[in-house]
Amino acid sequence: MHPMARKKAAGWAHQYLRPFIKSFKPVKLRKNEFVAVELEIHDVIGKGDWDVSNKWPWIKWFEDTLVEMRKLPDDCVRYVRDSGRIIFYEIADAKDKKLVFNVYKMHR
């Protein structure tokens, strides 16, 4: 993907995600606490097969938007230690499509 196209896609995704993230409380971490982020995709399978792993940009855009909105100090390894897990749930009706981002604390 061309860098300008990637930037445009990321800008669109950040704008799309902001209203959903707005009500989140900022993440407060103690010593040896870190953040884990995973994505659930609830969708119909449809006409073609696609790779779940191709949806990884959504996690990156979500994390970047959390940082942009000051809900997370940064998305570097000082704070985020588990990221990129994507789980697909097949649904019967397209009206029930959704993305669910799970953010939780982990201890090390």
N, C-alpha and C. Protein backbone atom coordinates (compact mmCIF):
# COMPACT_ATOMS: atom_id res chain seq x y z
N MET A 1 0.85 -1.17 0.00
CA MET A 1 0.00 0.00 0.00
C MET A 1 0.90 1.24 0.00
N HIS A 2 0.56 2.18 -0.80
CA HIS A 2 1.30 3.44 -0.90
C HIS A 2 1.21 4.18 0.44
N PRO A 3 2.31 4.83 0.90
CA PRO A 3 2.30 5.54 2.19
C PRO A 3 1.15 6.55 2.34
N MET A 4 0.81 7.26 1.27
CA MET A 4 -0.28 8.25 1.36
C MET A 4 -1.62 7.55 1.53
N ALA A 5 -1.81 6.43 0.85
CA ALA A 5 -3.05 5.67 0.99
C ALA A 5 -3.15 5.10 2.40
N ARG A 6 -2.03 4.63 2.95
CA ARG A 6 -2.01 4.11 4.31
C ARG A 6 -2.36 5.20 5.31
N LYS A 7 -1.80 6.39 5.11
CA LYS A 7 -2.07 7.52 6.00
C LYS A 7 -3.54 7.92 5.93
N LYS A 8 -4.11 7.92 4.73
CA LYS A 8 -5.53 8.26 4.56
C LYS A 8 -6.41 7.22 5.25
N ALA A 9 -6.09 5.93 5.09
CA ALA A 9 -6.86 4.87 5.74
C ALA A 9 -6.77 4.99 7.26
N ALA A 10 -5.57 5.26 7.76
CA ALA A 10 -5.39 5.40 9.20
C ALA A 10 -6.17 6.60 9.72
N GLY A 11 -6.15 7.71 9.00
CA GLY A 11 -6.91 8.90 9.41
C GLY A 11 -8.39 8.62 9.47
N TRP A 12 -8.91 7.90 8.46
CA TRP A 12 -10.32 7.53 8.46
C TRP A 12 -10.65 6.65 9.67
N ALA A 13 -9.80 5.64 9.94
CA ALA A 13 -10.04 4.72 11.05
C ALA A 13 -10.00 5.44 12.40
N HIS A 14 -9.06 6.36 12.58
CA HIS A 14 -8.98 7.12 13.83
C HIS A 14 -10.27 7.91 14.04
N GLN A 15 -10.72 8.55 12.99
CA GLN A 15 -11.95 9.34 13.08
C GLN A 15 -13.15 8.44 13.40
N TYR A 16 -13.19 7.28 12.78
CA TYR A 16 -14.27 6.31 13.00
C TYR A 16 -14.27 5.83 14.46
N LEU A 17 -13.10 5.57 15.02
CA LEU A 17 -12.98 4.99 16.37
C LEU A 17 -13.18 6.00 17.50
N ARG A 18 -12.88 7.27 17.26
CA ARG A 18 -12.94 8.28 18.33
C ARG A 18 -14.25 8.30 19.12
N PRO A 19 -15.42 8.31 18.49
CA PRO A 19 -16.65 8.37 19.27
C PRO A 19 -16.83 7.17 20.22
N PHE A 20 -16.31 6.02 19.82
CA PHE A 20 -16.43 4.83 20.67
C PHE A 20 -15.46 4.88 21.84
N ILE A 21 -14.32 5.52 21.65
CA ILE A 21 -13.28 5.58 22.67
C ILE A 21 -13.49 6.75 23.63
N LYS A 22 -14.26 7.73 23.21
CA LYS A 22 -14.45 8.95 23.98
C LYS A 22 -14.81 8.70 25.44
N SER A 23 -15.67 7.75 25.71
CA SER A 23 -16.14 7.52 27.08
C SER A 23 -15.21 6.61 27.90
N PHE A 24 -14.16 6.08 27.30
CA PHE A 24 -13.23 5.23 28.03
C PHE A 24 -12.54 6.03 29.13
N LYS A 25 -12.31 5.39 30.24
CA LYS A 25 -11.49 6.00 31.29
C LYS A 25 -10.02 5.77 30.92
N PRO A 26 -9.16 6.73 31.23
CA PRO A 26 -7.73 6.52 30.96
C PRO A 26 -7.21 5.30 31.72
N VAL A 27 -6.34 4.55 31.09
CA VAL A 27 -5.76 3.36 31.70
C VAL A 27 -4.71 3.79 32.72
N LYS A 28 -4.84 3.31 33.93
CA LYS A 28 -3.87 3.58 34.99
C LYS A 28 -3.17 2.26 35.30
N LEU A 29 -1.87 2.26 35.17
CA LEU A 29 -1.10 1.05 35.40
C LEU A 29 -0.17 1.19 36.59
N ARG A 30 -0.09 0.14 37.38
CA ARG A 30 0.86 0.09 38.48
C ARG A 30 2.12 -0.62 38.01
N LYS A 31 3.08 -0.69 38.88
CA LYS A 31 4.32 -1.39 38.56
C LYS A 31 3.99 -2.84 38.19
N ASN A 32 4.62 -3.33 37.14
CA ASN A 32 4.43 -4.69 36.63
C ASN A 32 3.03 -4.97 36.07
N GLU A 33 2.28 -3.92 35.75
CA GLU A 33 1.01 -4.07 35.04
C GLU A 33 1.19 -3.54 33.63
N PHE A 34 0.57 -4.23 32.70
CA PHE A 34 0.67 -3.88 31.30
C PHE A 34 -0.70 -4.06 30.65
N VAL A 35 -0.81 -3.63 29.42
CA VAL A 35 -2.07 -3.71 28.71
C VAL A 35 -1.99 -4.81 27.65
N ALA A 36 -3.10 -5.51 27.49
CA ALA A 36 -3.28 -6.47 26.40
C ALA A 36 -4.48 -6.00 25.58
N VAL A 37 -4.38 -6.13 24.27
CA VAL A 37 -5.45 -5.68 23.37
C VAL A 37 -5.76 -6.81 22.39
N GLU A 38 -7.03 -7.15 22.27
CA GLU A 38 -7.45 -8.13 21.27
C GLU A 38 -8.70 -7.62 20.57
N LEU A 39 -8.96 -8.18 19.42
CA LEU A 39 -10.09 -7.77 18.60
C LEU A 39 -10.97 -8.96 18.28
N GLU A 40 -12.27 -8.80 18.51
CA GLU A 40 -13.25 -9.78 18.07
C GLU A 40 -13.93 -9.20 16.83
N ILE A 41 -13.99 -9.99 15.78
CA ILE A 41 -14.71 -9.60 14.57
C ILE A 41 -15.94 -10.48 14.48
N HIS A 42 -17.11 -9.85 14.54
CA HIS A 42 -18.38 -10.56 14.40
C HIS A 42 -18.91 -10.21 13.02
N ASP A 43 -18.93 -11.19 12.12
CA ASP A 43 -19.28 -10.90 10.73
C ASP A 43 -19.82 -12.15 10.05
N VAL A 44 -20.54 -11.94 8.97
CA VAL A 44 -20.97 -13.05 8.11
C VAL A 44 -19.78 -13.44 7.24
N ILE A 45 -19.73 -14.68 6.85
CA ILE A 45 -18.61 -15.11 6.02
C ILE A 45 -18.74 -14.54 4.61
N GLY A 46 -19.92 -14.54 4.06
CA GLY A 46 -20.11 -13.91 2.76
C GLY A 46 -19.60 -14.72 1.59
N LYS A 47 -19.30 -14.02 0.50
CA LYS A 47 -18.93 -14.67 -0.76
C LYS A 47 -17.53 -15.25 -0.75
N GLY A 48 -16.59 -14.57 -0.14
CA GLY A 48 -15.21 -15.02 -0.24
C GLY A 48 -14.60 -15.32 1.11
N ASP A 49 -13.52 -16.01 1.06
CA ASP A 49 -12.76 -16.25 2.27
C ASP A 49 -11.71 -15.16 2.41
N TRP A 50 -11.46 -14.72 3.61
CA TRP A 50 -10.42 -13.73 3.87
C TRP A 50 -9.64 -14.17 5.08
N ASP A 51 -8.45 -13.68 5.21
CA ASP A 51 -7.57 -14.07 6.31
C ASP A 51 -7.83 -13.17 7.51
N VAL A 52 -8.06 -13.78 8.64
CA VAL A 52 -8.25 -13.02 9.87
C VAL A 52 -7.04 -12.13 10.15
N SER A 53 -5.85 -12.64 9.87
CA SER A 53 -4.63 -11.88 10.16
C SER A 53 -4.52 -10.60 9.35
N ASN A 54 -5.26 -10.50 8.24
CA ASN A 54 -5.22 -9.27 7.44
C ASN A 54 -5.94 -8.11 8.12
N LYS A 55 -6.61 -8.37 9.21
CA LYS A 55 -7.34 -7.32 9.93
C LYS A 55 -6.49 -6.66 11.02
N TRP A 56 -5.20 -6.99 11.10
CA TRP A 56 -4.33 -6.43 12.14
C TRP A 56 -4.28 -4.90 12.15
N PRO A 57 -4.44 -4.21 11.02
CA PRO A 57 -4.38 -2.74 11.12
C PRO A 57 -5.42 -2.16 12.08
N TRP A 58 -6.57 -2.84 12.23
CA TRP A 58 -7.57 -2.33 13.15
C TRP A 58 -7.03 -2.23 14.57
N ILE A 59 -6.23 -3.19 14.99
CA ILE A 59 -5.66 -3.14 16.35
C ILE A 59 -4.67 -1.98 16.44
N LYS A 60 -3.84 -1.81 15.43
CA LYS A 60 -2.88 -0.70 15.43
C LYS A 60 -3.60 0.63 15.47
N TRP A 61 -4.62 0.79 14.63
CA TRP A 61 -5.38 2.05 14.62
C TRP A 61 -6.08 2.29 15.94
N PHE A 62 -6.61 1.23 16.55
CA PHE A 62 -7.27 1.35 17.85
C PHE A 62 -6.28 1.81 18.92
N GLU A 63 -5.12 1.15 18.98
CA GLU A 63 -4.11 1.53 19.97
C GLU A 63 -3.64 2.97 19.75
N ASP A 64 -3.39 3.34 18.50
CA ASP A 64 -2.95 4.70 18.20
C ASP A 64 -4.02 5.73 18.61
N THR A 65 -5.27 5.39 18.41
CA THR A 65 -6.35 6.31 18.80
C THR A 65 -6.45 6.41 20.30
N LEU A 66 -6.24 5.32 21.02
CA LEU A 66 -6.21 5.38 22.49
C LEU A 66 -5.14 6.37 22.96
N VAL A 67 -3.98 6.30 22.35
CA VAL A 67 -2.87 7.20 22.71
C VAL A 67 -3.22 8.64 22.33
N GLU A 68 -3.71 8.81 21.12
CA GLU A 68 -4.08 10.15 20.63
C GLU A 68 -5.10 10.82 21.55
N MET A 69 -6.01 10.02 22.11
CA MET A 69 -7.06 10.57 22.97
C MET A 69 -6.67 10.53 24.46
N ARG A 70 -5.43 10.21 24.72
CA ARG A 70 -4.87 10.20 26.08
C ARG A 70 -5.57 9.22 27.02
N LYS A 71 -5.99 8.11 26.45
CA LYS A 71 -6.58 7.04 27.25
C LYS A 71 -5.50 6.03 27.65
N LEU A 72 -4.38 6.07 26.95
CA LEU A 72 -3.23 5.23 27.19
C LEU A 72 -1.99 6.09 26.98
N PRO A 73 -1.00 6.03 27.90
CA PRO A 73 0.17 6.91 27.76
C PRO A 73 0.92 6.72 26.43
N ASP A 74 1.05 5.48 25.99
CA ASP A 74 1.75 5.16 24.75
C ASP A 74 1.40 3.72 24.40
N ASP A 75 1.66 3.32 23.16
CA ASP A 75 1.41 1.93 22.79
C ASP A 75 2.71 1.15 22.64
N CYS A 76 3.77 1.68 23.21
CA CYS A 76 5.06 0.98 23.18
C CYS A 76 5.07 -0.15 24.21
N VAL A 77 6.14 -0.93 24.22
CA VAL A 77 6.22 -2.10 25.10
C VAL A 77 6.30 -1.76 26.59
N ARG A 78 6.54 -0.52 26.90
CA ARG A 78 6.48 -0.12 28.32
C ARG A 78 5.06 -0.26 28.86
N TYR A 79 4.08 -0.21 27.97
CA TYR A 79 2.67 -0.25 28.38
C TYR A 79 1.90 -1.41 27.77
N VAL A 80 2.11 -1.69 26.49
CA VAL A 80 1.36 -2.75 25.80
C VAL A 80 2.29 -3.95 25.57
N ARG A 81 1.95 -5.07 26.20
CA ARG A 81 2.80 -6.26 26.10
C ARG A 81 2.14 -7.42 25.36
N ASP A 82 0.88 -7.28 25.05
CA ASP A 82 0.17 -8.34 24.33
C ASP A 82 -0.78 -7.66 23.37
N SER A 83 -0.60 -7.88 22.08
CA SER A 83 -1.39 -7.18 21.09
C SER A 83 -1.45 -8.01 19.81
N GLY A 84 -2.56 -7.89 19.12
CA GLY A 84 -2.65 -8.52 17.81
C GLY A 84 -3.52 -9.74 17.73
N ARG A 85 -4.04 -10.21 18.85
CA ARG A 85 -4.92 -11.38 18.79
C ARG A 85 -6.24 -10.97 18.16
N ILE A 86 -6.66 -11.72 17.15
CA ILE A 86 -7.91 -11.45 16.46
C ILE A 86 -8.73 -12.73 16.46
N ILE A 87 -9.97 -12.62 16.90
CA ILE A 87 -10.86 -13.77 16.99
C ILE A 87 -12.06 -13.51 16.10
N PHE A 88 -12.39 -14.45 15.22
CA PHE A 88 -13.53 -14.31 14.32
C PHE A 88 -14.71 -15.09 14.86
N TYR A 89 -15.87 -14.43 14.89
CA TYR A 89 -17.13 -15.07 15.26
C TYR A 89 -18.07 -14.94 14.08
N GLU A 90 -18.49 -16.07 13.55
CA GLU A 90 -19.42 -16.06 12.43
C GLU A 90 -20.83 -15.74 12.94
N ILE A 91 -21.50 -14.83 12.25
CA ILE A 91 -22.88 -14.48 12.58
C ILE A 91 -23.74 -14.73 11.35
N ALA A 92 -25.04 -14.84 11.56
CA ALA A 92 -25.96 -15.16 10.47
C ALA A 92 -26.47 -13.93 9.73
N ASP A 93 -26.56 -12.81 10.43
CA ASP A 93 -27.20 -11.63 9.84
C ASP A 93 -26.23 -10.44 9.86
N ALA A 94 -26.04 -9.82 8.70
CA ALA A 94 -25.11 -8.69 8.57
C ALA A 94 -25.47 -7.52 9.47
N LYS A 95 -26.71 -7.40 9.88
CA LYS A 95 -27.10 -6.29 10.76
C LYS A 95 -26.45 -6.42 12.14
N ASP A 96 -25.93 -7.58 12.46
CA ASP A 96 -25.29 -7.81 13.76
C ASP A 96 -23.77 -7.70 13.68
N LYS A 97 -23.24 -7.22 12.56
CA LYS A 97 -21.79 -7.07 12.41
C LYS A 97 -21.25 -6.09 13.45
N LYS A 98 -20.07 -6.41 13.98
CA LYS A 98 -19.44 -5.48 14.91
C LYS A 98 -17.99 -5.87 15.13
N LEU A 99 -17.24 -4.88 15.58
CA LEU A 99 -15.87 -5.08 16.05
C LEU A 99 -15.90 -4.85 17.55
N VAL A 100 -15.29 -5.73 18.31
CA VAL A 100 -15.20 -5.58 19.76
C VAL A 100 -13.73 -5.60 20.14
N PHE A 101 -13.27 -4.50 20.71
CA PHE A 101 -11.90 -4.42 21.19
C PHE A 101 -11.90 -4.69 22.68
N ASN A 102 -11.14 -5.68 23.09
CA ASN A 102 -11.00 -6.01 24.50
C ASN A 102 -9.65 -5.49 24.97
N VAL A 103 -9.69 -4.66 25.99
CA VAL A 103 -8.48 -4.10 26.57
C VAL A 103 -8.47 -4.52 28.04
N TYR A 104 -7.42 -5.18 28.43
CA TYR A 104 -7.37 -5.61 29.82
C TYR A 104 -5.94 -5.52 30.34
N LYS A 105 -5.86 -5.50 31.67
CA LYS A 105 -4.55 -5.43 32.31
C LYS A 105 -3.99 -6.83 32.47
N MET A 106 -2.70 -6.92 32.32
CA MET A 106 -2.01 -8.16 32.56
C MET A 106 -0.85 -7.87 33.52
N HIS A 107 -0.44 -8.88 34.26
CA HIS A 107 0.62 -8.71 35.25
C HIS A 107 1.81 -9.57 34.85
N ARG A 108 2.98 -9.03 35.08
CA ARG A 108 4.23 -9.76 34.79
C ARG A 108 5.16 -9.61 35.95
